[in-house]
């Protein structure tokens, strides 16, 4: 009986591969990507993968704008960019004015950043609670009671 209890103590439950995929899929989006998805009706998976590959925010906005104006798919433009083709060359091949795309992308970027800052100010992230004395005091417990001994009692015992 003790051998079984020891094994149970140190064993971990097996997680099915399906369940781990669900957990990964539920991962929250970067607020910037979330905004791009909403604003341009873009594919969130494609944008997330692009960011993880090293694409910049303004670069993505420029590619999205080029895709919208040219009718070409964003995925095709991202693949072209991954091959090393410059944004200016991509815009020229689509017969688009690169400088206008750049200006529009910058304005869009600034607009999104301002909206994200407002969102953060309206709903700031909750503060961490582990190891903070004020949080313990609010719940009725005293930090000093939890982490120290009374010096007068320890002096009497010696």
Protein backbone atom coordinates (compact mmCIF):
# COMPACT_ATOMS: atom_id res chain seq x y z
CA UNK A 1 0.00 0.00 0.00
CA UNK A 2 2.83 2.42 0.82
CA UNK A 3 4.49 1.79 -2.55
CA UNK A 4 1.31 2.81 -4.38
CA UNK A 5 0.95 5.95 -2.25
CA UNK A 6 4.59 6.92 -2.99
CA UNK A 7 4.04 6.50 -6.74
CA UNK A 8 0.87 8.61 -6.62
CA UNK A 9 2.67 11.29 -4.66
CA UNK A 10 5.27 11.84 -7.37
CA UNK A 11 3.27 11.04 -10.50
CA UNK A 12 1.64 13.60 -12.72
CA UNK A 13 -1.59 13.07 -14.61
CA UNK A 14 -1.23 12.55 -18.34
CA UNK A 15 -2.70 15.34 -20.40
CA UNK A 16 -4.16 14.35 -23.72
CA UNK A 17 -2.76 16.15 -26.74
CA UNK A 18 -6.24 17.48 -27.59
CA UNK A 19 -6.50 19.24 -24.23
CA UNK A 20 -3.11 20.89 -24.59
CA UNK A 21 -4.08 22.25 -28.02
CA UNK A 22 -7.23 23.76 -26.53
CA UNK A 23 -5.20 25.47 -23.81
CA UNK A 24 -2.77 26.91 -26.37
CA UNK A 25 -5.65 28.09 -28.59
CA UNK A 26 -7.26 29.97 -25.68
CA UNK A 27 -4.11 32.06 -25.22
CA UNK A 28 -5.10 35.72 -25.34
CA UNK A 29 -4.17 37.76 -28.36
CA UNK A 30 -1.79 40.66 -28.28
CA UNK A 31 -4.12 43.69 -27.96
CA UNK A 32 -2.47 45.27 -31.00
CA UNK A 33 -3.14 42.20 -33.17
CA UNK A 34 -6.66 41.99 -31.77
CA UNK A 35 -7.25 45.58 -32.89
CA UNK A 36 -5.84 44.87 -36.36
CA UNK A 37 -8.12 41.86 -36.70
CA UNK A 38 -11.16 43.96 -35.77
CA UNK A 39 -10.21 47.03 -37.81
CA UNK A 40 -9.24 45.25 -41.04
CA UNK A 41 -11.10 41.92 -40.73
CA UNK A 42 -7.76 40.14 -41.02
CA UNK A 43 -6.88 36.57 -40.12
CA UNK A 44 -5.72 36.55 -36.48
CA UNK A 45 -3.72 33.33 -36.89
CA UNK A 46 -1.82 34.73 -39.87
CA UNK A 47 -1.05 37.97 -38.02
CA UNK A 48 0.04 36.16 -34.84
CA UNK A 49 2.34 33.88 -36.82
CA UNK A 50 3.80 36.88 -38.65
CA UNK A 51 4.55 38.66 -35.39
CA UNK A 52 6.20 35.53 -34.00
CA UNK A 53 8.36 35.42 -37.17
CA UNK A 54 9.57 38.95 -36.47
CA UNK A 55 7.28 41.17 -38.52
CA UNK A 56 6.89 44.66 -37.09
CA UNK A 57 3.59 46.35 -36.30
CA UNK A 58 3.85 49.07 -38.93
CA UNK A 59 5.14 46.55 -41.44
CA UNK A 60 2.02 44.45 -40.92
CA UNK A 61 -0.23 47.48 -41.27
CA UNK A 62 1.48 48.38 -44.56
CA UNK A 63 1.02 44.85 -45.87
CA UNK A 64 -2.63 44.84 -44.80
CA UNK A 65 -3.22 48.18 -46.54
CA UNK A 66 -1.52 46.94 -49.71
CA UNK A 67 -3.62 43.80 -49.68
CA UNK A 68 -6.86 45.78 -49.23
CA UNK A 69 -6.02 48.30 -51.98
CA UNK A 70 -4.71 45.77 -54.50
CA UNK A 71 -7.14 42.92 -53.93
CA UNK A 72 -4.26 40.50 -53.41
CA UNK A 73 -4.36 38.25 -50.34
CA UNK A 74 -2.43 39.25 -47.24
CA UNK A 75 -0.96 35.76 -47.08
CA UNK A 76 0.59 36.18 -50.58
CA UNK A 77 2.12 39.52 -49.60
CA UNK A 78 3.52 38.10 -46.37
CA UNK A 79 5.11 35.22 -48.30
CA UNK A 80 6.63 37.73 -50.72
CA UNK A 81 8.00 39.73 -47.79
CA UNK A 82 9.44 36.58 -46.21
CA UNK A 83 11.41 36.00 -49.42
CA UNK A 84 13.16 39.31 -48.71
CA UNK A 85 11.28 41.57 -51.10
CA UNK A 86 11.16 45.13 -49.82
CA UNK A 87 7.88 46.85 -49.01
CA UNK A 88 8.54 49.49 -51.66
CA UNK A 89 9.09 46.81 -54.32
CA UNK A 90 5.89 45.02 -53.27
CA UNK A 91 3.93 48.28 -53.49
CA UNK A 92 5.41 49.05 -56.94
CA UNK A 93 4.56 45.57 -58.23
CA UNK A 94 0.95 46.18 -57.12
CA UNK A 95 0.98 49.62 -58.79
CA UNK A 96 0.46 51.38 -55.46
CA UNK A 97 2.07 54.59 -54.19
CA UNK A 98 4.45 53.43 -51.47
CA UNK A 99 4.75 56.84 -49.80
CA UNK A 100 0.95 57.11 -49.42
CA UNK A 101 0.80 53.58 -47.99
CA UNK A 102 3.57 54.51 -45.56
CA UNK A 103 1.78 57.67 -44.39
CA UNK A 104 -1.53 55.88 -44.00
CA UNK A 105 0.15 53.04 -42.08
CA UNK A 106 1.82 55.51 -39.71
CA UNK A 107 -1.48 57.30 -39.07
CA UNK A 108 -3.23 53.97 -38.46
CA UNK A 109 -0.44 52.86 -36.14
CA UNK A 110 -0.69 56.05 -34.07
CA UNK A 111 -4.48 55.78 -33.91
CA UNK A 112 -4.29 52.18 -32.66
CA UNK A 113 -1.62 53.06 -30.08
CA UNK A 114 -3.74 55.94 -28.71
CA UNK A 115 -6.80 53.69 -28.47
CA UNK A 116 -4.80 50.98 -26.68
CA UNK A 117 -3.45 53.53 -24.18
CA UNK A 118 -6.99 54.73 -23.49
CA UNK A 119 -8.12 51.13 -22.99
CA UNK A 120 -5.32 50.52 -20.50
CA UNK A 121 -6.16 53.71 -18.56
CA UNK A 122 -9.83 52.74 -18.40
CA UNK A 123 -9.08 49.22 -17.20
CA UNK A 124 -5.58 48.99 -15.74
CA UNK A 125 -4.17 45.50 -15.15
CA UNK A 126 -4.77 44.14 -11.66
CA UNK A 127 -1.78 44.47 -9.33
CA UNK A 128 0.19 41.40 -8.28
CA UNK A 129 -0.75 40.11 -4.84
CA UNK A 130 1.91 37.56 -3.94
CA UNK A 131 4.31 38.93 -1.35
CA UNK A 132 2.78 42.37 -1.00
CA UNK A 133 2.14 43.48 2.59
CA UNK A 134 -0.72 45.88 1.75
CA UNK A 135 -2.69 43.11 0.09
CA UNK A 136 -2.33 40.91 3.16
CA UNK A 137 -3.37 43.73 5.49
CA UNK A 138 -6.57 44.35 3.52
CA UNK A 139 -7.64 40.78 4.16
CA UNK A 140 -7.14 41.06 7.90
CA UNK A 141 -3.81 39.29 8.20
CA UNK A 142 -0.73 41.18 9.24
CA UNK A 143 2.50 40.76 7.32
CA UNK A 144 4.47 40.97 10.56
CA UNK A 145 2.46 38.13 12.08
CA UNK A 146 3.11 35.91 9.11
CA UNK A 147 6.84 36.48 8.69
CA UNK A 148 8.43 37.36 12.01
CA UNK A 149 8.74 36.24 15.61
CA UNK A 150 8.33 38.43 18.67
CA UNK A 151 11.81 39.44 19.85
CA UNK A 152 10.73 39.55 23.51
CA UNK A 153 9.47 35.95 23.48
CA UNK A 154 12.60 34.68 21.74
CA UNK A 155 14.73 36.54 24.30
CA UNK A 156 12.92 34.83 27.24
CA UNK A 157 13.35 31.33 25.78
CA UNK A 158 17.12 31.67 25.53
